[in-house]
Amino acid sequence: MEVKNFLLKKILVVFCFSFCSFPLFSQRTLELSLEQTIEIAADSSLQAFKAKNQYYSSYWEFRAFKAARLPSLNLSMTPFSYNRNIISRYDSEANIEVFRSQQTLRSSANLSIRQNLDITGGTFYLDSDLGYIRNFGDLVYTQFSTVPVRIGYYQALFGFNSFKWEKKIEPLKYQKAKQQYLYNRESISEETTNYFFNLAMAQAEYDMAVENVSSSDTLYWIGEERHKIAAISQADLMTLKLDALNAKNTLKNADIKLKRAMFSITSYLNLQQDIQLKLILPEVPVNLFILENEALMYAKENNPDFLEYRQRIMEAEREVDKTKKETNFDASFSASIGFNQVADNFKDAYLDPLRQDILSFSLSVPLVDWGVRKGKANMARSNLNVTKLSVQQEILSLEQDVIMTVNDFNVQQNMIQSAEEALDLANMAYNNTKERFIIGKADINSLTLSLNRQKEAQKNYISALNEYWLSYYKIRKLTLFDFVKKERLSESFERELNWEVLN
């Protein structure tokens, strides 16, 4: 009965100690699994906000590219231009240059529709012009000049076609942006897993420290009672007392570590600091074995880095094409057909318009540039070769990363089973050794060794879980594929994210 009362007192003391050192009970407590924690991070963390806005930026950039492929309607105007000054004029009668005062008022407007052609790089246009001029001074007169309608086309014959390259590169950039968003979201899952298990480890160490304080105090009291009857030595009693003191210090350190881990994860999740999290350790999916070839296939299909490699090579090829065509001569032509008229009043300016035909051809030939254009072309070709070699190396590194991560993941499943079995054995061994110590059939060294093994087994189990889930989310990040649900992460992308963009 005396022992029972003593144990009740010790439990009460430990409870009060833990209450004072870690006031969880006075604050809001939220239980979270790993999956729920990742959902909060994907929705509320600052990293998630940044990833979404990076995607939105690329989304609207692509929308601008698509809009640029459509006909554009433009209105350019000079509503008012007044000029009063003295200018030099040629007097044909006297065959001399003279200064004359001039005072004019001008206005003009142009309305045009333009359409760029990706294949040829040319531009179709349809426009209409209106001009007005009024002269003041000795001779006052007013004129209106009109082009009611004109249709034309401009084409660079041998020049660089930027429209063609934009049509190749811009859709690839947008596809990469979508995959990059999914990649960043899985990076958030991976980082959240680290925060989750850091807190899980801190909570486990804190719980073990609380239990160890209770056990150490109990064992020290038992040691005192046994020392009174000379059942243990003074040295063993001092060891038990030292263990009790160390247990209290360990609890204080565990409390500090727990608070730091709690602050880190709540800050990362963008939660209020008065919320205390109670984590639920995740289970391991049964029989989830990932094949290397399958993971590599999904990585090549979905990973944004592979799209980045294609984009870099394509941009280098664009520079080669640009510098090559700038090295040669350039020629262009423009042609238009329409009507125009001039009159003293606005109404007559649109009556009986005259035919307007314009055809021009221009040619530019580099004669002597001391090898500047040729040097730029050679530099662009060299950069293309370097880019291709760099891409090959990066592809090999990425493939190796996928293979190593898959191998680590498959091995981790067996390690978790071993760690879980070791934890069960360590718990049973410690409980058995403690009971044997209480009845005097085990010494203090056996008890200490058993306790240390229990702590180590608990840490190893949580570490094994951490490594397993880190490997799993890293594989998801590298492949953008959910191997549990057997689906690509991009399948619900348009439905989930573009709805937010449009709303």
Protein backbone atom coordinates (compact mmCIF):
# COMPACT_ATOMS: atom_id res chain seq x y z
CA MET A 1 0.00 0.00 0.00
CA GLU A 2 2.89 2.32 0.83
CA VAL A 3 4.50 1.68 -2.56
CA LYS A 4 1.19 2.34 -4.31
CA ASN A 5 0.72 5.68 -2.53
CA PHE A 6 4.29 6.66 -3.35
CA LEU A 7 3.80 5.90 -7.04
CA LEU A 8 0.64 8.01 -7.13
CA LYS A 9 2.54 10.94 -5.58
CA LYS A 10 5.36 10.58 -8.11
CA ILE A 11 2.94 10.54 -11.04
CA LEU A 12 1.30 13.72 -9.71
CA VAL A 13 4.70 15.43 -9.35
CA VAL A 14 5.72 14.49 -12.88
CA PHE A 15 2.38 15.68 -14.23
CA CYS A 16 2.79 19.05 -12.53
CA PHE A 17 6.38 19.34 -13.72
CA SER A 18 5.45 18.66 -17.30
CA PHE A 19 2.50 21.03 -17.05
CA CYS A 20 4.74 23.89 -15.91
CA SER A 21 7.58 23.23 -18.34
CA PHE A 22 5.39 22.73 -21.40
CA PRO A 23 1.98 24.42 -21.11
CA LEU A 24 0.23 22.57 -23.93
CA PHE A 25 -2.94 22.15 -21.92
CA SER A 26 -3.61 25.89 -21.75
CA GLN A 27 -3.42 26.25 -25.51
CA ARG A 28 -5.36 24.95 -28.47
CA THR A 29 -4.27 21.50 -29.58
CA LEU A 30 -4.69 20.22 -33.12
CA GLU A 31 -4.12 16.59 -34.07
CA LEU A 32 -2.62 16.17 -37.53
CA SER A 33 -1.55 13.26 -39.67
CA LEU A 34 1.23 13.62 -42.22
CA GLU A 35 -1.28 13.83 -45.06
CA GLN A 36 -3.29 16.55 -43.32
CA THR A 37 -0.12 18.52 -42.57
CA ILE A 38 0.88 18.40 -46.23
CA GLU A 39 -2.60 19.57 -47.27
CA ILE A 40 -2.31 22.60 -44.98
CA ALA A 41 1.17 23.39 -46.32
CA ALA A 42 -0.01 23.09 -49.93
CA ASP A 43 -2.85 25.50 -49.21
CA SER A 44 -1.61 28.01 -46.65
CA SER A 45 2.18 28.11 -46.55
CA LEU A 46 4.12 31.02 -48.02
CA GLN A 47 5.94 28.60 -50.32
CA ALA A 48 2.60 27.45 -51.75
CA PHE A 49 1.55 31.07 -52.30
CA LYS A 50 4.82 31.75 -54.12
CA ALA A 51 4.49 28.63 -56.29
CA LYS A 52 0.93 29.54 -57.32
CA ASN A 53 1.84 33.10 -58.25
CA GLN A 54 4.84 31.92 -60.25
CA TYR A 55 2.47 29.72 -62.22
CA TYR A 56 -0.06 32.54 -62.64
CA SER A 57 2.69 34.74 -64.06
CA SER A 58 3.58 32.08 -66.65
CA TYR A 59 -0.11 31.49 -67.34
CA TRP A 60 -0.77 35.12 -68.24
CA GLU A 61 2.46 35.29 -70.21
CA PHE A 62 1.21 32.39 -72.32
CA ARG A 63 -2.20 34.04 -72.66
CA ALA A 64 -0.43 37.15 -73.96
CA PHE A 65 1.46 35.00 -76.48
CA LYS A 66 -1.80 33.43 -77.68
CA ALA A 67 -3.43 36.84 -77.94
CA ALA A 68 -0.49 38.11 -80.02
CA ARG A 69 -1.25 35.40 -82.58
CA LEU A 70 -4.72 36.87 -83.13
CA PRO A 71 -5.51 39.92 -85.30
CA SER A 72 -4.78 43.19 -83.49
CA LEU A 73 -6.82 46.35 -83.85
CA ASN A 74 -4.88 49.59 -83.30
CA LEU A 75 -5.78 53.25 -83.37
CA SER A 76 -2.99 55.83 -83.54
CA MET A 77 -3.81 59.53 -83.46
CA THR A 78 -2.28 62.96 -83.34
CA PRO A 79 -5.35 65.00 -82.38
CA PHE A 80 -3.55 68.32 -82.23
CA SER A 81 -0.20 69.57 -83.51
CA TYR A 82 0.32 73.34 -83.74
CA ASN A 83 3.49 74.82 -85.23
CA ARG A 84 4.41 78.52 -85.40
CA ASN A 85 8.01 79.32 -86.28
CA ILE A 86 10.39 80.70 -88.91
CA ILE A 87 11.86 78.17 -91.30
CA SER A 88 14.19 78.17 -94.26
CA ARG A 89 12.51 77.92 -97.69
CA TYR A 90 13.80 77.98 -101.28
CA ASP A 91 12.62 80.84 -103.46
CA SER A 92 12.60 79.43 -106.99
CA GLU A 93 12.07 82.81 -108.65
CA ALA A 94 15.10 84.42 -107.03
CA ASN A 95 17.01 81.13 -106.72
CA ILE A 96 17.86 81.80 -103.09
CA GLU A 97 17.12 80.44 -99.63
CA VAL A 98 14.92 82.72 -97.54
CA PHE A 99 13.42 82.65 -94.06
CA ARG A 100 9.68 82.67 -93.86
CA SER A 101 7.23 82.49 -91.03
CA GLN A 102 4.98 79.45 -90.88
CA GLN A 103 1.87 78.75 -88.86
CA THR A 104 0.11 75.39 -89.26
CA LEU A 105 -2.32 73.15 -87.45
CA ARG A 106 -2.20 69.40 -88.13
CA SER A 107 -4.24 66.38 -87.07
CA SER A 108 -4.08 62.74 -88.15
CA ALA A 109 -5.55 59.33 -87.31
CA ASN A 110 -4.89 55.78 -88.43
CA LEU A 111 -7.05 52.71 -87.72
CA SER A 112 -5.43 49.39 -88.61
CA ILE A 113 -5.92 45.65 -88.27
CA ARG A 114 -2.77 43.52 -88.35
CA GLN A 115 -2.19 39.79 -88.49
CA ASN A 116 1.23 38.14 -88.16
CA LEU A 117 1.93 34.89 -90.02
CA ASP A 118 3.99 32.33 -88.05
CA ILE A 119 5.03 30.32 -91.10
CA THR A 120 6.46 33.12 -93.21
CA GLY A 121 7.09 35.78 -90.59
CA GLY A 122 5.20 38.34 -92.66
CA THR A 123 2.43 40.72 -91.65
CA PHE A 124 -0.94 41.39 -93.29
CA TYR A 125 -2.60 44.69 -92.53
CA LEU A 126 -5.80 46.54 -93.32
CA ASP A 127 -5.95 50.23 -92.43
CA SER A 128 -7.58 53.57 -92.97
CA ASP A 129 -5.99 57.05 -92.73
CA LEU A 130 -7.33 60.52 -92.16
CA GLY A 131 -5.18 63.68 -92.22
CA TYR A 132 -6.01 67.34 -91.68
CA ILE A 133 -3.87 70.45 -92.21
CA ARG A 134 -4.66 74.17 -91.89
CA ASN A 135 -2.20 76.90 -92.83
CA PHE A 136 -2.43 80.44 -91.40
CA GLY A 137 -0.80 83.69 -92.54
CA ASP A 138 -0.97 85.50 -95.89
CA LEU A 139 -2.44 82.44 -97.54
CA VAL A 140 -5.00 80.54 -95.47
CA TYR A 141 -6.19 77.17 -96.69
CA THR A 142 -7.43 73.86 -95.34
CA GLN A 143 -6.96 70.34 -96.69
CA PHE A 144 -8.17 66.86 -95.80
CA SER A 145 -6.27 63.77 -96.91
CA THR A 146 -7.92 60.35 -96.68
CA VAL A 147 -7.12 56.73 -97.33
CA PRO A 148 -10.57 55.12 -96.93
CA VAL A 149 -9.20 51.60 -97.15
CA ARG A 150 -5.87 49.98 -97.86
CA ILE A 151 -4.71 46.38 -97.67
CA GLY A 152 -1.07 45.42 -97.63
CA TYR A 153 1.54 42.84 -96.79
CA TYR A 154 5.13 43.07 -95.51
CA GLN A 155 7.60 40.20 -95.77
CA ALA A 156 11.29 39.79 -94.89
CA LEU A 157 12.59 37.39 -97.52
CA PHE A 158 15.72 35.97 -95.91
CA GLY A 159 15.62 37.42 -92.42
CA PHE A 160 15.09 35.84 -89.02
CA ASN A 161 11.52 34.66 -88.39
CA SER A 162 10.88 35.31 -84.70
CA PHE A 163 7.21 34.29 -84.99
CA LYS A 164 8.14 30.73 -85.99
CA TRP A 165 10.45 30.26 -82.99
CA GLU A 166 7.95 31.79 -80.58
CA LYS A 167 5.37 29.29 -81.76
CA LYS A 168 7.78 26.46 -80.87
CA ILE A 169 9.14 27.80 -77.58
CA GLU A 170 6.22 29.54 -75.85
CA PRO A 171 3.91 26.47 -75.59
CA LEU A 172 6.87 24.49 -74.27
CA LYS A 173 7.55 27.19 -71.65
CA TYR A 174 3.94 27.11 -70.50
CA GLN A 175 3.92 23.32 -70.28
CA LYS A 176 7.10 23.55 -68.23
CA ALA A 177 5.46 26.14 -65.96
CA LYS A 178 2.57 23.77 -65.24
CA GLN A 179 4.91 20.90 -64.49
CA GLN A 180 7.10 23.22 -62.42
CA TYR A 181 4.13 24.17 -60.27
CA LEU A 182 3.42 20.50 -59.56
CA TYR A 183 7.13 19.98 -58.90
CA ASN A 184 7.18 22.88 -56.42
CA ARG A 185 4.09 21.53 -54.71
CA GLU A 186 5.78 18.16 -54.22
CA SER A 187 8.85 19.99 -52.93
CA ILE A 188 6.55 21.53 -50.33
CA SER A 189 5.37 18.02 -49.44
CA GLU A 190 8.97 16.89 -49.06
CA GLU A 191 9.89 19.88 -46.89
CA THR A 192 6.72 19.48 -44.82
CA THR A 193 7.67 15.86 -44.17
CA ASN A 194 10.96 17.05 -42.71
CA TYR A 195 9.20 19.50 -40.38
CA PHE A 196 6.62 16.86 -39.46
CA PHE A 197 9.14 14.25 -38.39
CA ASN A 198 11.37 16.78 -36.66
CA LEU A 199 8.39 17.59 -34.45
CA ALA A 200 7.44 13.91 -34.18
CA MET A 201 10.95 13.09 -32.98
CA ALA A 202 10.86 15.99 -30.50
CA GLN A 203 7.48 14.87 -29.17
CA ALA A 204 8.67 11.28 -28.83
CA GLU A 205 11.79 12.40 -26.97
CA TYR A 206 9.68 14.61 -24.71
CA ASP A 207 7.25 11.79 -23.93
CA MET A 208 10.15 9.43 -23.21
CA ALA A 209 11.75 12.09 -21.01
CA VAL A 210 8.52 12.49 -19.00
CA GLU A 211 8.25 8.74 -18.58
CA ASN A 212 11.91 8.52 -17.69
CA VAL A 213 11.49 11.13 -14.92
CA SER A 214 8.70 9.07 -13.40
CA SER A 215 10.62 5.79 -13.75
CA SER A 216 13.89 7.26 -12.43
CA ASP A 217 12.23 8.74 -9.34
CA THR A 218 10.45 5.45 -8.67
CA LEU A 219 13.62 3.41 -9.11
CA TYR A 220 15.59 5.81 -6.89
CA TRP A 221 13.00 5.46 -4.12
CA ILE A 222 13.12 1.68 -4.47
CA GLY A 223 16.92 1.88 -4.39
CA GLU A 224 16.79 3.85 -1.14
CA GLU A 225 14.53 1.23 0.42
CA ARG A 226 16.79 -1.60 -0.74
CA HIS A 227 19.90 0.26 0.42
CA LYS A 228 18.42 0.42 3.91
CA ILE A 229 18.48 -3.37 4.00
CA ALA A 230 21.90 -3.48 2.28
CA ALA A 231 20.43 -5.04 -0.88
CA ILE A 232 22.38 -2.61 -3.12
CA SER A 233 25.59 -0.70 -2.64
CA GLN A 234 26.02 3.02 -1.98
CA ALA A 235 27.54 3.41 -5.46
CA ASP A 236 24.44 1.89 -7.14
CA LEU A 237 22.22 4.18 -5.07
CA MET A 238 24.22 7.22 -6.18
CA THR A 239 23.90 6.01 -9.78
CA LEU A 240 20.12 5.85 -9.42
CA LYS A 241 20.08 9.35 -7.93
CA LEU A 242 22.25 10.60 -10.79
CA ASP A 243 19.88 8.99 -13.29
CA ALA A 244 16.95 10.80 -11.68
CA LEU A 245 18.73 14.16 -11.89
CA ASN A 246 19.80 13.52 -15.48
CA ALA A 247 16.24 12.55 -16.37
CA LYS A 248 14.96 15.93 -15.15
CA ASN A 249 17.66 17.77 -17.11
CA THR A 250 16.87 15.69 -20.17
CA LEU A 251 13.21 16.63 -19.82
CA LYS A 252 14.08 20.33 -19.74
CA ASN A 253 16.21 19.99 -22.89
CA ALA A 254 13.47 17.96 -24.57
CA ASP A 255 10.99 20.68 -23.67
CA ILE A 256 13.16 23.35 -25.35
CA LYS A 257 13.68 21.18 -28.43
CA LEU A 258 9.95 20.48 -28.66
CA LYS A 259 9.07 24.17 -28.50
CA ARG A 260 11.57 24.98 -31.25
CA ALA A 261 10.25 22.22 -33.49
CA MET A 262 6.68 23.34 -32.78
CA PHE A 263 7.48 26.95 -33.65
CA SER A 264 9.24 25.90 -36.88
CA ILE A 265 6.36 23.84 -38.24
CA THR A 266 3.60 26.27 -37.24
CA SER A 267 5.53 29.10 -38.87
CA TYR A 268 6.04 27.04 -42.02
CA LEU A 269 2.35 26.11 -42.15
CA ASN A 270 1.43 29.77 -41.51
CA LEU A 271 -0.60 28.81 -38.43
CA GLN A 272 -1.21 30.88 -35.32
CA GLN A 273 1.50 30.42 -32.71
CA ASP A 274 -0.95 29.56 -29.94
CA ILE A 275 -1.87 26.32 -31.75
CA GLN A 276 -0.06 23.22 -30.48
CA LEU A 277 0.16 20.25 -32.81
CA LYS A 278 -0.21 16.64 -31.78
CA LEU A 279 1.13 14.49 -34.57
CA ILE A 280 -0.13 11.09 -35.63
CA LEU A 281 2.64 8.98 -37.12
CA PRO A 282 1.76 7.70 -40.60
CA GLU A 283 1.52 4.06 -41.52
CA VAL A 284 3.46 2.48 -44.37
CA PRO A 285 1.53 1.47 -47.51
CA VAL A 286 1.59 -2.28 -47.87
CA ASN A 287 3.45 -3.85 -50.82
CA LEU A 288 4.32 -0.58 -52.55
CA PHE A 289 7.25 -1.56 -54.74
CA ILE A 290 8.34 0.88 -57.47
CA LEU A 291 10.19 -0.29 -60.57
CA GLU A 292 13.17 1.76 -61.75
CA ASN A 293 12.15 1.68 -65.42
CA GLU A 294 8.63 2.78 -64.58
CA ALA A 295 9.89 5.69 -62.47
CA LEU A 296 12.33 6.75 -65.22
CA MET A 297 9.56 6.66 -67.81
CA TYR A 298 7.29 8.94 -65.76
CA ALA A 299 10.21 11.26 -64.95
CA LYS A 300 11.00 11.74 -68.65
CA GLU A 301 7.34 12.38 -69.39
CA ASN A 302 6.51 14.70 -66.50
CA ASN A 303 9.60 16.20 -64.88
CA PRO A 304 9.93 19.92 -65.73
CA ASP A 305 13.71 19.61 -65.94
CA PHE A 306 13.39 17.56 -69.14
CA LEU A 307 11.22 20.31 -70.62
CA GLU A 308 13.80 22.82 -69.44
CA TYR A 309 16.49 20.88 -71.33
CA ARG A 310 14.42 20.96 -74.53
CA GLN A 311 13.79 24.67 -74.11
CA ARG A 312 17.49 25.45 -73.62
CA ILE A 313 18.46 23.53 -76.75
CA MET A 314 15.66 25.15 -78.75
CA GLU A 315 16.69 28.63 -77.62
CA ALA A 316 20.30 27.89 -78.56
CA GLU A 317 19.14 26.70 -81.99
CA ARG A 318 17.15 29.91 -82.35
CA GLU A 319 20.29 31.97 -81.73
CA VAL A 320 22.17 29.92 -84.35
CA ASP A 321 19.40 30.57 -86.88
CA LYS A 322 19.30 34.27 -86.02
CA THR A 323 23.05 34.89 -86.28
CA LYS A 324 23.29 32.77 -89.43
CA LYS A 325 20.65 34.81 -91.25
CA GLU A 326 22.10 38.08 -90.00
CA THR A 327 25.41 37.06 -91.60
CA ASN A 328 23.86 36.85 -95.09
CA PHE A 329 22.27 39.65 -97.06
CA ASP A 330 18.74 40.62 -96.20
CA ALA A 331 15.87 41.50 -98.49
CA SER A 332 12.29 42.49 -97.89
CA PHE A 333 9.34 43.70 -99.82
CA SER A 334 6.04 45.37 -99.04
CA ALA A 335 2.97 45.80 -101.19
CA SER A 336 -0.34 47.54 -100.67
CA ILE A 337 -3.38 48.47 -102.67
CA GLY A 338 -6.07 50.93 -101.72
CA PHE A 339 -7.62 54.33 -102.38
CA ASN A 340 -6.80 57.88 -101.42
CA GLN A 341 -8.10 61.38 -101.97
CA VAL A 342 -7.46 64.97 -100.95
CA ALA A 343 -10.00 67.83 -100.70
CA ASP A 344 -10.66 71.13 -99.07
CA ASN A 345 -13.46 69.72 -96.91
CA PHE A 346 -14.11 66.51 -95.07
CA LYS A 347 -17.02 65.31 -97.20
CA ASP A 348 -15.27 65.68 -100.55
CA ALA A 349 -12.20 63.88 -99.20
CA TYR A 350 -14.21 60.64 -99.35
CA LEU A 351 -15.77 61.25 -102.79
CA ASP A 352 -14.35 59.60 -105.92
CA PRO A 353 -11.18 58.23 -104.26
CA LEU A 354 -8.22 57.58 -106.49
CA ARG A 355 -6.38 54.27 -106.78
CA GLN A 356 -3.29 53.94 -104.58
CA ASP A 357 -0.70 51.25 -105.37
CA ILE A 358 2.54 50.93 -103.43
CA LEU A 359 5.22 48.32 -104.06
CA SER A 360 8.70 48.46 -102.56
CA PHE A 361 11.69 46.16 -102.45
CA SER A 362 14.71 46.69 -100.19
CA LEU A 363 18.04 44.94 -100.06
CA SER A 364 20.77 45.03 -97.42
CA VAL A 365 24.16 43.46 -98.16
CA PRO A 366 26.99 43.41 -95.60
CA LEU A 367 30.15 44.22 -97.52
CA VAL A 368 32.86 44.67 -94.90
CA ASP A 369 32.26 44.10 -91.16
CA TRP A 370 35.67 42.62 -90.29
CA GLY A 371 34.19 39.25 -89.34
CA VAL A 372 31.75 40.51 -86.69
CA ARG A 373 28.71 38.65 -88.03
CA LYS A 374 30.71 35.50 -88.73
CA GLY A 375 32.12 35.57 -85.20
CA LYS A 376 28.64 35.85 -83.70
CA ALA A 377 27.46 32.91 -85.81
CA ASN A 378 30.40 30.74 -84.73
CA MET A 379 29.81 31.72 -81.10
CA ALA A 380 26.16 30.74 -81.35
CA ARG A 381 27.07 27.32 -82.81
CA SER A 382 29.62 26.75 -80.04
CA ASN A 383 27.04 27.69 -77.41
CA LEU A 384 24.63 25.19 -78.96
CA ASN A 385 27.21 22.41 -78.71
CA VAL A 386 27.99 23.32 -75.09
CA THR A 387 24.29 23.38 -74.26
CA LYS A 388 23.76 19.92 -75.75
CA LEU A 389 26.69 18.48 -73.77
CA SER A 390 25.50 20.12 -70.56
CA VAL A 391 21.99 18.79 -71.10
CA GLN A 392 23.33 15.26 -71.62
CA GLN A 393 25.22 15.43 -68.33
CA GLU A 394 22.23 16.82 -66.45
CA ILE A 395 19.95 14.14 -67.90
CA LEU A 396 22.33 11.43 -66.68
CA SER A 397 22.46 13.03 -63.22
CA LEU A 398 18.68 13.27 -63.05
CA GLU A 399 18.21 9.67 -64.16
CA GLN A 400 20.75 8.54 -61.56
CA ASP A 401 18.91 10.54 -58.90
CA VAL A 402 15.63 8.82 -59.82
CA ILE A 403 17.19 5.35 -59.72
CA MET A 404 18.96 5.93 -56.40
CA THR A 405 15.83 7.39 -54.80
CA VAL A 406 13.73 4.43 -55.97
CA ASN A 407 16.28 1.98 -54.59
CA ASP A 408 16.38 3.83 -51.26
CA PHE A 409 12.60 3.81 -51.09
CA ASN A 410 12.29 0.09 -51.76
CA VAL A 411 14.93 -0.66 -49.12
CA GLN A 412 13.27 1.62 -46.55
CA GLN A 413 10.18 -0.59 -46.39
CA ASN A 414 12.23 -3.48 -45.01
CA MET A 415 14.09 -1.15 -42.68
CA ILE A 416 10.83 0.14 -41.20
CA GLN A 417 9.68 -3.41 -40.51
CA SER A 418 13.00 -4.15 -38.81
CA ALA A 419 12.88 -0.88 -36.82
CA GLU A 420 9.31 -1.58 -35.70
CA GLU A 421 10.23 -5.09 -34.59
CA ALA A 422 13.31 -3.76 -32.78
CA LEU A 423 11.15 -1.16 -30.99
CA ASP A 424 8.72 -3.83 -29.76
CA LEU A 425 11.59 -5.98 -28.50
CA ALA A 426 13.29 -3.01 -26.82
CA ASN A 427 10.06 -2.04 -25.04
CA MET A 428 9.52 -5.60 -23.80
CA ALA A 429 13.15 -5.90 -22.75
CA TYR A 430 13.07 -2.63 -20.79
CA ASN A 431 9.80 -3.46 -19.03
CA ASN A 432 11.10 -6.91 -18.16
CA THR A 433 14.43 -5.56 -16.89
CA LYS A 434 12.69 -2.89 -14.81
CA GLU A 435 10.44 -5.50 -13.19
CA ARG A 436 13.44 -7.73 -12.49
CA PHE A 437 15.32 -4.76 -11.00
CA ILE A 438 12.40 -3.96 -8.70
CA ILE A 439 12.41 -7.50 -7.31
CA GLY A 440 16.19 -7.47 -7.08
CA LYS A 441 17.06 -9.84 -9.93
CA ALA A 442 18.75 -7.26 -12.23
CA ASP A 443 21.49 -4.74 -11.55
CA ILE A 444 21.61 -1.05 -12.37
CA ASN A 445 23.87 -1.52 -15.42
CA SER A 446 21.37 -3.87 -17.07
CA LEU A 447 18.57 -1.40 -16.42
CA THR A 448 20.51 1.54 -17.86
CA LEU A 449 21.54 -0.44 -20.92
CA SER A 450 17.95 -1.57 -21.49
CA LEU A 451 16.67 2.01 -21.21
CA ASN A 452 19.23 3.31 -23.68
CA ARG A 453 18.28 0.58 -26.14
CA GLN A 454 14.64 1.52 -25.83
CA LYS A 455 15.38 5.18 -26.56
CA GLU A 456 17.57 4.26 -29.51
CA ALA A 457 14.93 1.92 -30.93
CA GLN A 458 12.27 4.65 -30.68
CA LYS A 459 14.49 7.14 -32.51
CA ASN A 460 15.44 4.59 -35.16
CA TYR A 461 11.79 3.81 -35.84
CA ILE A 462 10.84 7.46 -36.32
CA SER A 463 13.96 8.05 -38.44
CA ALA A 464 13.06 5.05 -40.62
CA LEU A 465 9.56 6.45 -41.12
CA ASN A 466 11.06 9.83 -41.95
CA GLU A 467 13.43 8.41 -44.56
CA TYR A 468 10.66 6.32 -46.09
CA TRP A 469 8.25 9.20 -46.58
CA LEU A 470 10.99 11.58 -47.68
CA SER A 471 11.97 9.07 -50.38
CA TYR A 472 8.34 8.62 -51.36
CA TYR A 473 7.65 12.33 -51.81
CA LYS A 474 10.97 12.83 -53.57
CA ILE A 475 9.96 10.14 -56.08
CA ARG A 476 6.62 11.91 -56.53
CA LYS A 477 8.53 15.16 -57.10
CA LEU A 478 10.89 13.64 -59.64
CA THR A 479 8.21 11.72 -61.55
CA LEU A 480 5.07 13.79 -60.82
CA PHE A 481 3.24 10.50 -60.48
CA ASP A 482 1.20 9.08 -57.59
CA PHE A 483 2.26 5.46 -57.28
CA VAL A 484 -0.41 4.74 -54.67
CA LYS A 485 -3.36 5.95 -56.77
CA LYS A 486 -1.60 5.05 -60.04
CA GLU A 487 -2.25 8.41 -61.70
CA ARG A 488 -0.33 11.41 -62.96
CA LEU A 489 -0.41 14.44 -60.70
CA SER A 490 -1.30 16.62 -63.68
CA GLU A 491 -4.61 14.85 -64.35
CA SER A 492 -6.56 17.12 -62.00
CA PHE A 493 -4.31 20.13 -62.55
CA GLU A 494 -6.41 22.06 -65.07
CA ARG A 495 -9.60 21.52 -63.08
CA GLU A 496 -8.08 22.57 -59.75
CA LEU A 497 -5.82 25.48 -60.62
CA ASN A 498 -7.22 27.11 -63.75
CA TRP A 499 -10.55 27.50 -62.02
CA GLU A 500 -8.75 29.66 -59.45
CA VAL A 501 -7.05 31.67 -62.22
CA LEU A 502 -10.32 32.44 -63.96
CA ASN A 503 -12.06 33.32 -60.71
